[in-house]
Amino acid sequence: MKDPAIVGRSIYLRPVERGDADEFQTWMNDQEVVRNLLIHRPMTRDDEMRFAERATSGGDPSEAIFSIVRRRGDLLIGTTGLHGIDWRRRSACFGIDIGRKEEWGKGFGTEATSLMVEYAFRTLNLNRVWLTVYEFNDRGRGAYERVGFRREATLRQDSYRDGRFWDVHHMGILRPEWERAQRKKKS
């Protein structure tokens, strides 16, 4: 493991490195990868270098961004983060991307989501983590529900993708809900 910040069973989260930008650019220009993200235009290497610079600078207290690395083989497979951290309301928006498609469906997204929620509540002392998910993203929605996120609202036909409008679901998890689930796992 190289510079692990948060260690899980199959993956670990580490700080984003400038050298990750080339991999990020490849992923962000793959339409299958970005289908579930809020990206609507091609990303240049400079775009991804700026993202990596922002993530590595530590200068924005409203973000906590990590690279997701598979422990076996020490392989970079994605990114995750908490965005728009509101320290007064104790809330943040969660985001994740498993960019390496051959690693899809192996539980890494669920594990990374779980690690980030634990980080949000135990380390950052947040009270609420929320996210948005497209109605067609069954795999993502399933991962979020396994971690404990619940649907809070649906914005009907809020996003345009693949030639049609789609609903966008807002999901959230509260610290007390997460703590109850943790106690149940232990008993």
Foldseek 3Di string as FASTA:
>chain_A
DPQFDADDDFKTWHQQALVCLVVVLVLQQDCVQCVWPPDDDRDDSVNSSVVSCVRPVPPDPQKHKTFIFGPVVRHGFWIKMWGRQDLVQLETEIDITRRRVVCPPVCSLLRVVLRVVCCSCVPVVGFKYKYKTWPVPPSNVVSCVVSPKDFDDKDQQPDDDPHGGTIMTMIMDGPVRNVVVVVVVVD
